[in-house]
Amino acid sequence: MDVLRTQAVRVHEPGDPGALVVEDVEVPPPGHGEARITHDAVGLNFIDTYHRSGLYPIQLPATIGSEGAGRVEATGPGVTGLTVGDRVAYPNSLGAYCGARLIAADRLVVLPEGIETELAAASMLKGLTAWYLLHRTHSVREGETVLVHAAAGGVGSLLVPWARALGARVIGTVGSEAKAERARELGCDVLIRYREEDVVEGVMEATAGRGVDVVYDGVGRSTFEASLASVAEFGLLVAFGNASGPVGPVDLLSLRDRSAYVTRPSLGPHIRTAASLRAGAAALFDALADGTLAVEIGQRFRLEEAAAAHEALESRSTIGSTILLP
């Protein structure tokens, strides 16, 4: 079997978007339990910026990116359930910013009819994140009120309609009128423009002083204190991301008066096994197929424009999901 040559976006030293370097690389034949896939599209996620900047240390040099979709080009010994030519996608597997790659076959999900490849690349990691947040970290129930930060962003734009479909009332925060309009379309019951309004005051006004049952906070440092102050008695603050930087130490005594909870989950443990990955993907594909979720691909960049894509993401100028096209 031949070696493939392709382009990859790699990091040799942590840094700003200028640390992303486009290089020619070789992709060898797949080994035992592996598949070689060619990418049609690659998803852009905030975790990519953490790997690039060194916030989440990885062994360097490395090809970054954690989500992609394409076709099976070859399979190695011991691989079952995959056929050359199958359309596949995956989340949470480092090495996606490239035209082709090797990947453990049990990390791939075969795409059903009706789920386009670009849609899968734009939704697997964010969609499975929304799935575990709403169904595993906390099972959202009818009648609950949830607060979603960055309600028009990649994960937020999935959390809002999915939470609404589960019967929750959704309060969303946004940073601009364009994002406010998008959040309204997604189904937010209450909108708070965090640049103009006090988030805690807005939450308390919307909940008659009670606070919310759950806060989904993927922003991090800049929103954490407001998130904590917005939680109701016995409520839960889910700090699942660090878009504005990591959260500092938490004063546990600050939770005492409300018997509130704080958790910092991640996707990895929720899809550790092939069975759990397939279960989450099936739930996501069902939600996409029945119209519960409608993923907007707001931006498309060429793979070699990855640095510009990172700049757009970190400046919070993107809406919905962003994909890179090899």
Protein backbone atom coordinates (compact mmCIF):
# COMPACT_ATOMS: atom_id res chain seq x y z
CA MET A 1 0.00 0.00 0.00
CA ASP A 2 1.35 3.41 -0.97
CA VAL A 3 2.33 6.25 1.34
CA LEU A 4 0.07 9.29 0.87
CA ARG A 5 1.44 12.80 0.73
CA THR A 6 -0.74 15.62 1.98
CA GLN A 7 -0.67 18.98 3.73
CA ALA A 8 -1.05 19.43 7.48
CA VAL A 9 -1.20 22.44 9.81
CA ARG A 10 1.31 21.87 12.60
CA VAL A 11 2.57 23.55 15.74
CA HIS A 12 6.27 23.40 16.68
CA GLU A 13 6.19 25.91 19.55
CA PRO A 14 3.16 27.20 21.50
CA GLY A 15 2.03 30.68 20.58
CA ASP A 16 -0.49 32.93 18.86
CA PRO A 17 -2.11 32.00 15.51
CA GLY A 18 1.23 32.66 13.82
CA ALA A 19 2.47 29.43 15.42
CA LEU A 20 0.40 27.46 12.88
CA VAL A 21 2.63 26.22 10.05
CA VAL A 22 1.47 24.48 6.85
CA GLU A 23 3.74 21.57 5.97
CA ASP A 24 3.87 18.64 3.56
CA VAL A 25 3.59 15.34 5.43
CA GLU A 26 3.52 11.63 4.62
CA VAL A 27 0.71 9.35 5.79
CA PRO A 28 1.79 5.69 5.94
CA PRO A 29 -0.49 2.69 5.38
CA PRO A 30 -2.81 1.92 8.32
CA GLY A 31 -1.60 -0.44 11.02
CA HIS A 32 -3.55 -2.92 13.11
CA GLY A 33 -6.90 -1.46 14.15
CA GLU A 34 -6.36 1.72 12.14
CA ALA A 35 -8.02 3.36 9.16
CA ARG A 36 -6.58 5.88 6.75
CA ILE A 37 -9.10 8.56 5.86
CA THR A 38 -9.15 11.52 3.51
CA HIS A 39 -10.81 14.64 4.88
CA ASP A 40 -13.56 16.52 3.09
CA ALA A 41 -13.86 19.01 5.96
CA VAL A 42 -12.34 19.65 9.39
CA GLY A 43 -14.13 21.28 12.32
CA LEU A 44 -12.75 24.33 14.14
CA ASN A 45 -13.12 24.33 17.93
CA PHE A 46 -11.88 26.39 20.86
CA ILE A 47 -9.87 23.43 22.12
CA ASP A 48 -7.73 23.85 19.00
CA THR A 49 -6.63 27.25 20.27
CA TYR A 50 -5.78 25.75 23.66
CA HIS A 51 -3.52 23.16 21.99
CA ARG A 52 -1.91 25.87 19.85
CA SER A 53 -1.31 28.27 22.74
CA GLY A 54 -0.09 25.66 25.21
CA LEU A 55 -3.01 26.08 27.63
CA TYR A 56 -3.59 22.36 27.10
CA PRO A 57 -0.06 21.00 26.67
CA ILE A 58 0.52 18.43 23.93
CA GLN A 59 3.65 16.74 22.66
CA LEU A 60 5.18 18.94 19.95
CA PRO A 61 5.58 19.18 17.04
CA ALA A 62 1.99 18.13 16.38
CA THR A 63 -0.82 18.41 13.88
CA ILE A 64 -3.68 20.00 15.81
CA GLY A 65 -7.45 19.81 15.34
CA SER A 66 -9.82 17.34 16.96
CA GLU A 67 -12.75 16.84 14.57
CA GLY A 68 -13.17 15.89 10.95
CA ALA A 69 -15.20 14.06 8.34
CA GLY A 70 -14.39 12.36 5.07
CA ARG A 71 -14.03 8.91 3.55
CA VAL A 72 -12.24 5.69 4.42
CA GLU A 73 -9.33 5.30 2.02
CA ALA A 74 -7.83 2.10 3.50
CA THR A 75 -8.14 -0.12 6.56
CA GLY A 76 -5.53 -2.06 8.49
CA PRO A 77 -5.62 -5.60 9.89
CA GLY A 78 -8.25 -6.29 12.52
CA VAL A 79 -10.64 -3.56 11.43
CA THR A 80 -14.29 -4.55 11.20
CA GLY A 81 -17.41 -2.54 10.47
CA LEU A 82 -15.70 -0.19 8.01
CA THR A 83 -15.48 -0.42 4.24
CA VAL A 84 -13.28 1.55 1.88
CA GLY A 85 -15.40 4.44 0.64
CA ASP A 86 -17.53 4.75 3.77
CA ARG A 87 -18.37 8.31 4.78
CA VAL A 88 -17.16 8.75 8.35
CA ALA A 89 -16.67 11.38 11.01
CA TYR A 90 -15.03 11.63 14.42
CA PRO A 91 -14.69 13.97 17.41
CA ASN A 92 -11.94 14.45 19.96
CA SER A 93 -9.02 12.84 18.12
CA LEU A 94 -5.98 15.10 17.81
CA GLY A 95 -4.49 15.46 14.34
CA ALA A 96 -7.38 16.70 12.20
CA TYR A 97 -5.85 19.73 10.43
CA CYS A 98 -4.71 17.79 7.36
CA GLY A 99 -5.85 16.35 4.06
CA ALA A 100 -5.49 12.73 5.18
CA ARG A 101 -4.59 10.91 8.38
CA LEU A 102 -4.43 7.66 10.29
CA ILE A 103 -6.93 7.15 13.11
CA ALA A 104 -8.02 4.30 15.36
CA ALA A 105 -10.95 2.72 13.54
CA ASP A 106 -13.08 2.53 16.69
CA ARG A 107 -13.01 6.34 16.89
CA LEU A 108 -14.89 6.63 13.59
CA VAL A 109 -18.66 6.80 13.15
CA VAL A 110 -20.22 5.89 9.82
CA LEU A 111 -22.47 8.71 8.65
CA PRO A 112 -26.10 7.85 7.93
CA GLU A 113 -27.85 9.00 4.77
CA GLY A 114 -29.04 12.55 5.16
CA ILE A 115 -26.09 13.72 7.26
CA GLU A 116 -23.82 15.62 4.90
CA THR A 117 -20.08 15.39 5.38
CA GLU A 118 -19.58 19.12 5.99
CA LEU A 119 -22.42 19.07 8.51
CA ALA A 120 -20.76 16.20 10.37
CA ALA A 121 -17.41 18.01 10.45
CA ALA A 122 -19.14 21.10 11.83
CA SER A 123 -21.18 19.28 14.47
CA MET A 124 -19.53 16.14 15.84
CA LEU A 125 -17.42 17.62 18.63
CA LYS A 126 -19.78 20.47 19.46
CA GLY A 127 -22.86 18.29 19.06
CA LEU A 128 -21.54 15.53 21.28
CA THR A 129 -20.51 18.17 23.80
CA ALA A 130 -24.09 19.47 23.84
CA TRP A 131 -25.34 15.88 24.13
CA TYR A 132 -23.32 15.01 27.21
CA LEU A 133 -23.95 18.40 28.86
CA LEU A 134 -27.72 18.10 28.50
CA HIS A 135 -28.11 14.35 28.97
CA ARG A 136 -25.18 13.19 31.11
CA THR A 137 -23.70 16.05 33.18
CA HIS A 138 -27.25 17.09 34.02
CA SER A 139 -30.41 15.57 32.59
CA VAL A 140 -32.36 18.67 31.69
CA ARG A 141 -36.03 18.31 32.59
CA GLU A 142 -39.20 20.07 31.57
CA GLY A 143 -39.80 23.23 33.56
CA GLU A 144 -36.17 23.92 34.43
CA THR A 145 -34.47 27.21 33.59
CA VAL A 146 -30.96 27.14 32.15
CA LEU A 147 -28.46 29.88 31.40
CA VAL A 148 -26.34 29.42 28.26
CA HIS A 149 -23.36 31.72 27.77
CA ALA A 150 -22.33 32.54 24.19
CA ALA A 151 -25.77 31.37 23.07
CA ALA A 152 -25.04 32.02 19.38
CA GLY A 153 -21.64 30.30 19.39
CA GLY A 154 -20.71 26.83 18.22
CA VAL A 155 -21.80 24.86 21.30
CA GLY A 156 -24.32 27.43 22.49
CA SER A 157 -26.23 27.29 19.22
CA LEU A 158 -26.81 23.59 19.86
CA LEU A 159 -27.46 23.81 23.58
CA VAL A 160 -30.25 26.36 23.16
CA PRO A 161 -32.62 24.46 20.82
CA TRP A 162 -31.84 21.07 22.37
CA ALA A 163 -32.59 22.38 25.87
CA ARG A 164 -35.81 23.94 24.57
CA ALA A 165 -36.79 20.61 23.02
CA LEU A 166 -36.30 19.00 26.43
CA GLY A 167 -38.77 21.48 27.91
CA ALA A 168 -36.40 23.98 29.52
CA ARG A 169 -36.69 27.74 29.57
CA VAL A 170 -33.45 29.19 28.17
CA ILE A 171 -31.71 32.44 29.09
CA GLY A 172 -28.85 33.25 26.72
CA THR A 173 -26.01 35.74 26.81
CA VAL A 174 -24.68 37.34 23.62
CA GLY A 175 -22.20 40.07 22.75
CA SER A 176 -23.73 41.77 19.72
CA GLU A 177 -27.03 42.49 18.01
CA ALA A 178 -26.20 40.05 15.21
CA LYS A 179 -25.66 37.31 17.76
CA ALA A 180 -28.81 38.38 19.61
CA GLU A 181 -30.82 37.88 16.44
CA ARG A 182 -29.29 34.46 15.94
CA ALA A 183 -30.02 33.48 19.55
CA ARG A 184 -33.66 34.54 19.12
CA GLU A 185 -33.93 32.33 16.07
CA LEU A 186 -32.48 29.44 18.07
CA GLY A 187 -35.21 29.82 20.68
CA CYS A 188 -33.82 31.78 23.63
CA ASP A 189 -36.65 32.88 25.88
CA VAL A 190 -34.59 35.69 27.43
CA LEU A 191 -31.53 37.44 26.00
CA ILE A 192 -28.88 39.33 27.94
CA ARG A 193 -26.34 41.46 26.06
CA TYR A 194 -23.41 41.09 28.40
CA ARG A 195 -21.58 44.16 27.06
CA GLU A 196 -24.54 46.42 27.89
CA GLU A 197 -26.40 44.61 30.69
CA ASP A 198 -25.45 43.05 34.00
CA VAL A 199 -25.80 39.30 33.60
CA VAL A 200 -26.73 38.54 37.21
CA GLU A 201 -29.33 41.31 37.32
CA GLY A 202 -30.81 40.04 34.06
CA VAL A 203 -30.98 36.47 35.35
CA MET A 204 -32.57 37.49 38.63
CA GLU A 205 -35.12 39.67 36.89
CA ALA A 206 -36.01 36.82 34.53
CA THR A 207 -36.35 34.30 37.37
CA ALA A 208 -38.04 36.48 40.01
CA GLY A 209 -34.87 36.38 42.12
CA ARG A 210 -34.56 32.59 42.19
CA GLY A 211 -31.68 32.01 39.78
CA VAL A 212 -31.31 29.20 37.27
CA ASP A 213 -31.22 25.44 37.71
CA VAL A 214 -28.16 25.04 35.48
CA VAL A 215 -25.55 27.36 33.99
CA TYR A 216 -23.65 26.14 30.93
CA ASP A 217 -20.47 28.22 30.84
CA GLY A 218 -17.95 27.60 28.09
CA VAL A 219 -16.47 31.10 28.34
CA GLY A 220 -14.49 30.67 31.55
CA ARG A 221 -12.64 33.37 33.44
CA SER A 222 -14.68 36.42 32.39
CA THR A 223 -18.09 34.87 33.11
CA PHE A 224 -17.44 32.52 36.02
CA GLU A 225 -18.32 34.88 38.87
CA ALA A 226 -21.56 35.93 37.19
CA SER A 227 -22.34 32.29 36.50
CA LEU A 228 -21.82 31.37 40.12
CA ALA A 229 -24.02 34.24 41.30
CA SER A 230 -26.79 33.16 38.88
CA VAL A 231 -27.23 29.62 40.23
CA ALA A 232 -30.36 28.87 42.25
CA GLU A 233 -30.46 26.82 45.45
CA PHE A 234 -29.33 23.28 44.67
CA GLY A 235 -28.40 24.50 41.21
CA LEU A 236 -25.43 23.45 39.10
CA LEU A 237 -22.71 25.49 37.39
CA VAL A 238 -21.22 23.53 34.49
CA ALA A 239 -17.88 25.12 33.56
CA PHE A 240 -17.01 23.25 30.36
CA GLY A 241 -14.70 25.68 28.52
CA ASN A 242 -12.12 28.45 28.78
CA ALA A 243 -12.74 30.78 25.83
CA SER A 244 -11.72 33.82 27.91
CA GLY A 245 -9.07 31.97 29.90
CA PRO A 246 -9.04 29.33 32.65
CA VAL A 247 -10.99 29.82 35.86
CA GLY A 248 -8.98 30.37 39.04
CA PRO A 249 -9.43 28.55 42.36
CA VAL A 250 -13.04 28.24 43.55
CA ASP A 251 -14.01 29.26 47.09
CA LEU A 252 -16.14 26.30 48.18
CA LEU A 253 -17.66 28.34 50.98
CA SER A 254 -19.30 30.52 48.33
CA LEU A 255 -21.53 27.53 47.49
CA ARG A 256 -22.66 26.96 51.07
CA ASP A 257 -25.66 29.26 51.37
CA ARG A 258 -27.31 27.79 48.27
CA SER A 259 -25.99 24.22 48.51
CA ALA A 260 -24.93 24.76 44.90
CA TYR A 261 -22.74 22.52 42.77
CA VAL A 262 -19.84 23.21 40.39
CA THR A 263 -18.41 20.72 37.90
CA ARG A 264 -15.75 20.88 35.20
CA PRO A 265 -16.57 18.07 32.72
CA SER A 266 -15.05 17.20 29.35
CA LEU A 267 -16.12 15.15 26.36
CA GLY A 268 -13.41 12.48 26.53
CA PRO A 269 -14.75 10.35 29.40
CA HIS A 270 -18.25 10.44 27.92
CA ILE A 271 -17.15 8.79 24.65
CA ARG A 272 -14.30 6.70 26.01
CA THR A 273 -15.68 3.45 24.58
CA ALA A 274 -16.81 2.76 21.03
CA ALA A 275 -20.29 1.97 22.37
CA SER A 276 -20.62 5.31 24.18
CA LEU A 277 -19.33 7.18 21.11
CA ARG A 278 -21.92 5.45 18.91
CA ALA A 279 -24.70 6.15 21.44
CA GLY A 280 -23.89 9.84 21.56
CA ALA A 281 -23.54 10.07 17.78
CA ALA A 282 -26.88 8.31 17.27
CA ALA A 283 -28.60 10.83 19.57
CA LEU A 284 -26.93 13.70 17.73
CA PHE A 285 -27.84 12.39 14.28
CA ASP A 286 -31.45 11.86 15.38
CA ALA A 287 -31.63 15.45 16.66
CA LEU A 288 -30.23 16.71 13.36
CA ALA A 289 -32.55 14.53 11.29
CA ASP A 290 -35.77 15.44 13.11
CA GLY A 291 -35.03 19.16 13.05
CA THR A 292 -34.34 19.62 16.76
CA LEU A 293 -30.89 20.89 15.77
CA ALA A 294 -29.99 22.89 12.68
CA VAL A 295 -26.26 23.52 12.51
CA GLU A 296 -25.26 26.74 10.81
CA ILE A 297 -21.87 26.73 9.13
CA GLY A 298 -21.16 30.41 9.49
CA GLN A 299 -17.61 30.42 8.15
CA ARG A 300 -15.51 28.34 5.76
CA PHE A 301 -11.74 28.70 5.49
CA ARG A 302 -9.21 26.83 3.40
CA LEU A 303 -6.98 24.56 5.48
CA GLU A 304 -3.99 26.82 4.78
CA GLU A 305 -5.99 29.72 6.25
CA ALA A 306 -6.13 28.08 9.70
CA ALA A 307 -4.35 31.02 11.35
CA ALA A 308 -7.03 33.44 10.10
CA ALA A 309 -9.71 31.03 11.31
CA HIS A 310 -8.15 31.01 14.80
CA GLU A 311 -8.03 34.81 14.83
CA ALA A 312 -11.72 34.98 13.95
CA LEU A 313 -12.66 32.43 16.59
CA GLU A 314 -10.67 34.08 19.37
CA SER A 315 -12.03 37.53 18.53
CA ARG A 316 -15.56 36.12 18.96
CA SER A 317 -16.48 37.32 15.49
CA THR A 318 -17.73 33.92 14.31
CA ILE A 319 -21.36 32.82 14.34
CA GLY A 320 -22.32 29.16 14.53
CA SER A 321 -19.74 26.61 13.40
CA THR A 322 -16.59 27.05 11.32
CA ILE A 323 -14.98 24.46 9.08
CA LEU A 324 -11.62 24.17 7.33
CA LEU A 325 -11.56 22.75 3.81
CA PRO A 326 -8.44 20.75 2.77
